[in-house]
């Protein structure tokens, strides 16, 4: 992902990243953003750069719950955490025996083909608990400190809250709404 040449993306429909860890790495984050748009810029070594329609999807895995900083308005990523624990060697022997059995694979394929999935490809990715947690964990110490101050209306945020309360009070008087302004510091 961090290399300059993107020829591997030409014609790709699925890119699998086995271990994603971009927290604090702007170069990786920027490389992940580029392929999530309508066109891809392909740059091959010793060739001219060109753009093609983008049909590529990413499936990324990580062992880190702070792998990506998630922006508040992120609409691109579906983030899920798995609670699955490591199992015994017998479990995996049985699993791989079943994967090698063509009849069992066909049964799974049949199930998946018949299973109705409702999906809107134009909708933003859902805001999951895992996505929220990853966004919180990937914050810098300064961002976490400022967010806590904001949430608790401390420091400069207490002053801003009192200003906002005065504005709400003034607006409600003008509109005759009788709204109560928020209490500063709460």
Protein backbone atom coordinates (compact mmCIF):
# COMPACT_ATOMS: atom_id res chain seq x y z
CA UNK A 1 0.00 0.00 0.00
CA UNK A 2 2.85 2.42 0.63
CA UNK A 3 4.65 1.89 -2.69
CA UNK A 4 4.36 4.41 -5.52
CA UNK A 5 3.39 1.90 -8.21
CA UNK A 6 -0.31 1.06 -8.45
CA UNK A 7 -0.33 -1.22 -11.49
CA UNK A 8 -1.56 -4.09 -9.30
CA UNK A 9 -4.89 -2.25 -8.92
CA UNK A 10 -5.71 -2.42 -12.64
CA UNK A 11 -8.55 -4.89 -13.13
CA UNK A 12 -8.66 -5.78 -9.41
CA UNK A 13 -12.07 -6.24 -7.80
CA UNK A 14 -10.91 -7.28 -4.33
CA UNK A 15 -7.80 -6.26 -2.44
CA UNK A 16 -7.10 -8.15 0.79
CA UNK A 17 -4.89 -6.56 3.42
CA UNK A 18 -3.88 -9.14 6.01
CA UNK A 19 -2.60 -6.78 8.70
CA UNK A 20 -3.75 -3.19 8.61
CA UNK A 21 -2.12 -0.76 11.02
CA UNK A 22 -2.25 2.85 9.90
CA UNK A 23 -2.66 4.70 13.19
CA UNK A 24 -0.43 7.76 13.00
CA UNK A 25 0.70 6.91 9.46
CA UNK A 26 -0.65 9.56 7.11
CA UNK A 27 0.96 7.87 4.09
CA UNK A 28 -1.04 4.66 4.66
CA UNK A 29 -4.26 6.57 5.34
CA UNK A 30 -3.90 8.59 2.17
CA UNK A 31 -3.20 5.44 0.13
CA UNK A 32 -6.37 3.85 1.55
CA UNK A 33 -8.47 6.89 0.64
CA UNK A 34 -7.35 7.03 -3.00
CA UNK A 35 -8.86 3.72 -4.15
CA UNK A 36 -12.21 4.51 -2.52
CA UNK A 37 -13.52 6.77 -5.26
CA UNK A 38 -14.97 6.48 -8.77
CA UNK A 39 -11.66 6.29 -10.63
CA UNK A 40 -8.23 4.85 -9.92
CA UNK A 41 -4.97 6.45 -11.00
CA UNK A 42 -2.72 3.68 -12.28
CA UNK A 43 1.02 4.29 -12.25
CA UNK A 44 3.17 1.50 -13.63
CA UNK A 45 6.93 1.47 -13.42
CA UNK A 46 8.40 2.79 -16.70
CA UNK A 47 4.89 3.62 -18.00
CA UNK A 48 2.60 6.60 -18.30
CA UNK A 49 0.01 7.19 -15.60
CA UNK A 50 -3.66 6.83 -16.53
CA UNK A 51 -7.08 6.64 -14.88
CA UNK A 52 -9.59 3.79 -15.04
CA UNK A 53 -13.05 3.17 -13.54
CA UNK A 54 -12.79 1.84 -10.00
CA UNK A 55 -14.35 -1.57 -9.32
CA UNK A 56 -12.08 -2.46 -6.40
CA UNK A 57 -13.16 -3.28 -2.84
CA UNK A 58 -10.96 -3.69 0.20
CA UNK A 59 -11.19 -6.40 2.83
CA UNK A 60 -8.79 -5.49 5.62
CA UNK A 61 -7.96 -7.43 8.75
CA UNK A 62 -6.06 -6.34 11.83
CA UNK A 63 -5.27 -7.43 15.36
CA UNK A 64 -5.35 -3.81 16.55
CA UNK A 65 -8.46 -2.01 17.72
CA UNK A 66 -6.73 1.32 17.04
CA UNK A 67 -5.61 0.47 13.49
CA UNK A 68 -7.32 3.42 11.78
CA UNK A 69 -8.26 6.88 12.96
CA UNK A 70 -11.93 7.19 12.05
CA UNK A 71 -13.26 10.63 11.15
CA UNK A 72 -16.61 11.68 12.64
CA UNK A 73 -18.28 11.77 9.23
CA UNK A 74 -16.66 8.61 7.82
CA UNK A 75 -19.02 6.90 5.39
CA UNK A 76 -16.58 4.55 3.68
CA UNK A 77 -15.67 1.85 6.18
CA UNK A 78 -17.64 -0.93 7.84
CA UNK A 79 -15.71 -1.84 11.00
CA UNK A 80 -16.46 -5.08 12.85
CA UNK A 81 -14.66 -6.75 15.75
CA UNK A 82 -14.75 -10.49 16.25
CA UNK A 83 -15.12 -12.04 19.69
CA UNK A 84 -14.05 -15.46 18.39
CA UNK A 85 -11.39 -17.15 20.52
CA UNK A 86 -8.73 -19.62 19.44
CA UNK A 87 -10.01 -23.19 19.47
CA UNK A 88 -8.47 -26.65 19.85
CA UNK A 89 -6.38 -28.31 17.13
CA UNK A 90 -9.22 -30.84 16.58
CA UNK A 91 -11.60 -28.02 15.68
CA UNK A 92 -9.28 -26.74 12.97
CA UNK A 93 -8.62 -30.24 11.61
CA UNK A 94 -12.37 -30.74 11.21
CA UNK A 95 -12.81 -27.27 9.71
CA UNK A 96 -10.15 -27.79 7.03
CA UNK A 97 -11.47 -31.28 6.26
CA UNK A 98 -14.90 -29.71 5.65
CA UNK A 99 -13.38 -26.97 3.48
CA UNK A 100 -11.74 -29.66 1.34
CA UNK A 101 -15.06 -31.51 0.90
CA UNK A 102 -16.65 -30.29 -2.37
CA UNK A 103 -20.17 -31.34 -1.28
CA UNK A 104 -19.97 -29.31 1.93
CA UNK A 105 -18.59 -26.28 0.09
CA UNK A 106 -21.45 -26.63 -2.44
CA UNK A 107 -23.98 -26.72 0.42
CA UNK A 108 -22.58 -23.49 1.86
CA UNK A 109 -22.60 -21.89 -1.60
CA UNK A 110 -26.23 -22.96 -2.12
CA UNK A 111 -27.20 -21.42 1.22
CA UNK A 112 -25.45 -18.14 0.42
CA UNK A 113 -27.04 -17.90 -3.04
CA UNK A 114 -30.53 -18.40 -1.55
CA UNK A 115 -30.00 -16.10 1.44
CA UNK A 116 -31.64 -12.70 0.86
CA UNK A 117 -29.46 -9.76 1.72
CA UNK A 118 -30.75 -6.20 1.69
CA UNK A 119 -27.97 -3.79 0.88
CA UNK A 120 -27.86 -0.28 -0.51
CA UNK A 121 -24.44 0.22 -2.14
CA UNK A 122 -24.99 4.00 -2.27
CA UNK A 123 -25.67 4.32 1.47
CA UNK A 124 -22.93 5.20 3.96
CA UNK A 125 -21.37 2.34 5.88
CA UNK A 126 -23.16 1.74 9.19
CA UNK A 127 -21.83 3.30 12.39
CA UNK A 128 -21.10 0.18 14.44
CA UNK A 129 -19.93 -0.01 18.06
CA UNK A 130 -16.60 -1.31 16.70
CA UNK A 131 -16.23 1.70 14.40
CA UNK A 132 -16.95 4.07 17.27
CA UNK A 133 -14.45 2.25 19.51
CA UNK A 134 -11.73 2.21 16.85
CA UNK A 135 -12.18 5.95 16.33
CA UNK A 136 -11.84 6.58 20.07
CA UNK A 137 -8.81 4.29 20.50
CA UNK A 138 -6.96 5.77 17.54
CA UNK A 139 -7.13 9.33 18.90
CA UNK A 140 -3.91 10.94 20.05
CA UNK A 141 -3.53 11.78 23.73
CA UNK A 142 -4.14 15.45 22.91
CA UNK A 143 -7.32 14.66 20.96
CA UNK A 144 -8.59 12.45 23.81
CA UNK A 145 -7.85 15.17 26.37
CA UNK A 146 -9.61 17.86 24.32
CA UNK A 147 -12.60 15.58 23.65
CA UNK A 148 -12.96 14.90 27.40
CA UNK A 149 -12.80 18.65 28.11
CA UNK A 150 -15.43 19.28 25.43
CA UNK A 151 -17.75 16.54 26.71
CA UNK A 152 -17.48 17.85 30.29
CA UNK A 153 -17.69 21.52 29.20
CA UNK A 154 -14.37 22.34 30.91
CA UNK A 155 -11.69 24.89 30.09
CA UNK A 156 -12.43 26.87 26.93
CA UNK A 157 -15.45 24.68 26.23
CA UNK A 158 -17.19 25.94 29.40
CA UNK A 159 -16.90 29.48 28.06
CA UNK A 160 -18.23 28.43 24.65
CA UNK A 161 -21.14 26.61 26.32
CA UNK A 162 -22.05 29.76 28.28
CA UNK A 163 -21.92 31.81 25.05
CA UNK A 164 -24.14 29.30 23.31
CA UNK A 165 -26.55 29.40 26.25
CA UNK A 166 -26.80 33.19 25.95
CA UNK A 167 -27.43 32.90 22.19
CA UNK A 168 -30.17 30.31 22.70
CA UNK A 169 -31.75 32.51 25.37
CA UNK A 170 -31.67 35.59 23.12
CA UNK A 171 -33.04 33.69 20.13
CA UNK A 172 -35.83 32.12 22.15
CA UNK A 173 -36.88 35.53 23.48
CA UNK A 174 -37.00 36.91 19.94
CA UNK A 175 -38.95 33.91 18.70
CA UNK A 176 -41.16 33.88 21.81
CA UNK A 177 -40.33 30.20 22.33
CA UNK A 178 -39.48 30.39 26.02
CA UNK A 179 -36.66 27.84 25.58
CA UNK A 180 -34.34 27.30 28.48
CA UNK A 181 -30.63 27.82 27.69
CA UNK A 182 -28.25 25.00 28.60
CA UNK A 183 -26.59 25.36 31.98
CA UNK A 184 -22.86 26.17 31.52
CA UNK A 185 -20.54 23.50 32.87
CA UNK A 186 -23.04 20.65 32.59
